[in-house]
Amino acid sequence: MSKIYPVYIAFGANLANPTQSFNAALIRLEALGFDIQARSGLWQSPAWPAGSGQPDYINAVVRASFTGDARQALAHLHTVEAALGRVRGVQNAARMLDLDLLDFGGQVIDDDDIIIPHPRMMTRGFVLFPLSQLSADWVHPVSQRALREATARLPLDDVAPMQYLGPWVIQS
């Protein structure tokens, strides 16, 4: 029998209608075997790098369960991104949808094709704030740093422009 893993997935987008992209991604993820259990609220953050002229990002995090391995989960995320218009190849480009596998059952994987937990998540307020809405007690499996500690270490310049937009409402 396959094991069911708890997973956390970050959602981000700054093109078209991010909430519509997020809702479409949820439907596709469920069809690919992700059991969506909870959604954070929506957070707005400036595009990076500063001064890029791109629209602000909308961000959120989802807690789900998945039967399979981390590589399968990541491949599914990439499939959903591509289906919803994500074009890879240009770093820090504006995006229709960005899905990042943040955590996969607390596993630590560091290979050429996959790194879990996400290598930059602990320095990104747009990930940490929505994640803390779902799992305030989550602890990074490598650094053993708690979310509260990580968010307290974020530079004020990164946190100040972030804005909580409210609950992520599913519209039919």
Protein backbone atom coordinates (compact mmCIF):
# COMPACT_ATOMS: atom_id res chain seq x y z
CA MET A 1 0.00 0.00 0.00
CA SER A 2 1.32 3.45 -0.92
CA LYS A 3 1.95 6.01 1.77
CA ILE A 4 -0.03 9.25 1.85
CA TYR A 5 2.23 12.28 2.29
CA PRO A 6 1.27 15.73 3.56
CA VAL A 7 2.51 18.39 1.16
CA TYR A 8 2.62 22.17 1.04
CA ILE A 9 2.46 23.93 -2.32
CA ALA A 10 3.09 27.64 -2.91
CA PHE A 11 0.99 29.40 -5.56
CA GLY A 12 2.04 32.63 -7.24
CA ALA A 13 0.99 34.61 -10.30
CA ASN A 14 1.17 38.16 -11.61
CA LEU A 15 -0.41 37.94 -15.06
CA ALA A 16 -4.06 37.84 -16.16
CA ASN A 17 -6.30 36.89 -13.21
CA PRO A 18 -4.21 35.08 -10.57
CA THR A 19 -7.19 33.89 -8.54
CA GLN A 20 -8.74 32.29 -11.63
CA SER A 21 -5.39 30.61 -12.37
CA PHE A 22 -5.21 29.37 -8.78
CA ASN A 23 -8.74 27.94 -8.92
CA ALA A 24 -8.06 26.23 -12.26
CA ALA A 25 -4.83 24.80 -10.82
CA LEU A 26 -6.69 23.36 -7.82
CA ILE A 27 -9.08 21.50 -10.12
CA ARG A 28 -6.19 20.07 -12.13
CA LEU A 29 -4.19 19.13 -9.03
CA GLU A 30 -7.17 17.27 -7.60
CA ALA A 31 -7.55 15.39 -10.89
CA LEU A 32 -3.87 14.38 -10.59
CA GLY A 33 -4.34 12.88 -7.13
CA PHE A 34 -3.76 15.77 -4.73
CA ASP A 35 -6.33 15.88 -1.94
CA ILE A 36 -6.61 19.60 -1.15
CA GLN A 37 -7.17 20.05 2.57
CA ALA A 38 -6.70 23.77 3.23
CA ARG A 39 -5.91 27.05 1.48
CA SER A 40 -4.27 30.11 2.94
CA GLY A 41 -5.57 33.55 2.27
CA LEU A 42 -4.29 35.60 -0.65
CA TRP A 43 -1.25 37.84 -0.24
CA GLN A 44 0.03 40.57 -2.55
CA SER A 45 3.74 41.22 -2.90
CA PRO A 46 5.88 43.28 -5.25
CA ALA A 47 7.50 41.60 -8.22
CA TRP A 48 11.18 40.87 -7.89
CA PRO A 49 13.64 42.30 -8.59
CA ALA A 50 12.48 45.70 -7.41
CA GLY A 51 12.01 48.12 -10.26
CA SER A 52 11.31 45.37 -12.81
CA GLY A 53 8.10 47.08 -13.87
CA GLN A 54 6.13 43.84 -13.53
CA PRO A 55 2.71 43.70 -11.86
CA ASP A 56 2.55 42.70 -8.20
CA TYR A 57 2.24 39.01 -7.40
CA ILE A 58 -0.64 37.30 -5.70
CA ASN A 59 0.53 34.42 -3.49
CA ALA A 60 -0.99 31.65 -1.43
CA VAL A 61 -0.14 28.23 0.01
CA VAL A 62 -2.15 25.00 -0.09
CA ARG A 63 -1.92 22.02 2.24
CA ALA A 64 -2.74 18.75 0.52
CA SER A 65 -2.05 15.06 0.73
CA PHE A 66 -0.56 13.01 -2.07
CA THR A 67 -0.03 9.31 -2.66
CA GLY A 68 3.18 8.93 -4.62
CA ASP A 69 6.69 10.28 -4.37
CA ALA A 70 8.08 13.82 -4.41
CA ARG A 71 9.28 13.61 -8.01
CA GLN A 72 5.81 12.59 -9.18
CA ALA A 73 4.30 15.47 -7.22
CA LEU A 74 6.76 17.96 -8.70
CA ALA A 75 6.15 16.64 -12.22
CA HIS A 76 2.41 17.13 -11.69
CA LEU A 77 3.01 20.73 -10.57
CA HIS A 78 5.02 21.40 -13.72
CA THR A 79 2.28 19.82 -15.86
CA VAL A 80 -0.36 22.08 -14.30
CA GLU A 81 1.83 25.17 -14.72
CA ALA A 82 2.35 24.41 -18.41
CA ALA A 83 -1.34 23.69 -18.98
CA LEU A 84 -2.21 27.09 -17.50
CA GLY A 85 0.30 29.08 -19.56
CA ARG A 86 3.57 28.99 -17.62
CA VAL A 87 6.55 29.38 -19.91
CA ARG A 88 9.87 28.39 -18.37
CA GLY A 89 13.25 29.72 -19.32
CA VAL A 90 13.41 33.35 -18.23
CA GLN A 91 14.38 33.81 -14.61
CA ASN A 92 12.13 36.21 -12.63
CA ALA A 93 9.79 36.62 -15.60
CA ALA A 94 6.13 37.50 -15.05
CA ARG A 95 4.02 34.35 -14.71
CA MET A 96 0.54 33.08 -15.33
CA LEU A 97 1.14 30.52 -12.59
CA ASP A 98 4.04 29.42 -10.43
CA LEU A 99 3.70 26.31 -8.26
CA ASP A 100 6.48 25.40 -5.83
CA LEU A 101 6.65 22.20 -3.82
CA LEU A 102 7.63 23.58 -0.43
CA ASP A 103 7.51 20.47 1.73
CA PHE A 104 6.82 16.81 1.03
CA GLY A 105 6.09 14.95 4.24
CA GLY A 106 9.07 16.49 6.00
CA GLN A 107 11.46 14.72 3.64
CA VAL A 108 14.87 16.14 2.82
CA ILE A 109 15.84 15.57 -0.82
CA ASP A 110 18.80 17.31 -2.45
CA ASP A 111 19.38 16.02 -5.98
CA ASP A 112 20.05 17.67 -9.33
CA ASP A 113 16.37 17.44 -10.34
CA ILE A 114 14.62 18.18 -7.03
CA ILE A 115 15.34 19.93 -3.75
CA ILE A 116 12.90 19.51 -0.88
CA PRO A 117 12.19 21.50 1.19
CA HIS A 118 12.20 24.39 -1.26
CA PRO A 119 15.69 25.93 -0.98
CA ARG A 120 14.64 29.60 -0.74
CA MET A 121 11.35 29.35 1.11
CA MET A 122 12.66 30.51 4.50
CA THR A 123 13.68 33.90 3.09
CA ARG A 124 10.41 34.68 1.32
CA GLY A 125 7.67 36.43 3.20
CA PHE A 126 5.24 35.71 0.37
CA VAL A 127 5.69 32.02 1.22
CA LEU A 128 6.11 32.18 4.99
CA PHE A 129 3.06 34.33 5.79
CA PRO A 130 0.55 32.17 3.88
CA LEU A 131 2.22 28.98 5.17
CA SER A 132 1.88 30.23 8.73
CA GLN A 133 -1.88 30.59 8.18
CA LEU A 134 -2.06 26.84 7.55
CA SER A 135 0.59 25.48 9.89
CA ALA A 136 1.92 28.00 12.40
CA ASP A 137 3.93 25.25 14.12
CA TRP A 138 5.68 24.01 10.96
CA VAL A 139 9.43 23.56 11.41
CA HIS A 140 11.98 23.47 8.57
CA PRO A 141 13.30 19.88 8.43
CA VAL A 142 16.90 20.93 7.70
CA SER A 143 17.51 24.08 9.74
CA GLN A 144 14.99 23.14 12.45
CA ARG A 145 13.93 26.80 12.36
CA ALA A 146 10.29 27.49 13.21
CA LEU A 147 8.13 29.70 11.00
CA ARG A 148 7.87 32.36 13.71
CA GLU A 149 11.65 32.63 13.88
CA ALA A 150 12.01 32.74 10.09
CA THR A 151 9.38 35.46 9.67
CA ALA A 152 10.97 37.50 12.47
CA ARG A 153 14.28 37.43 10.53
CA LEU A 154 12.81 38.78 7.29
CA PRO A 155 14.08 42.24 6.33
CA LEU A 156 11.48 44.96 6.94
CA ASP A 157 11.96 46.16 3.35
CA ASP A 158 10.68 42.78 2.14
CA VAL A 159 7.76 42.54 4.55
CA ALA A 160 6.44 46.12 4.62
CA PRO A 161 5.06 46.17 1.05
CA MET A 162 3.20 42.87 1.47
CA GLN A 163 -0.55 43.09 1.83
CA TYR A 164 -3.08 40.51 3.02
CA LEU A 165 -5.98 40.52 0.56
CA GLY A 166 -8.33 38.23 2.47
CA PRO A 167 -9.59 34.68 2.08
CA TRP A 168 -9.06 32.71 -1.10
CA VAL A 169 -12.61 32.33 -2.35
CA ILE A 170 -13.42 29.60 -4.83
CA GLN A 171 -15.73 30.95 -7.52
CA SER A 172 -17.69 28.60 -9.71
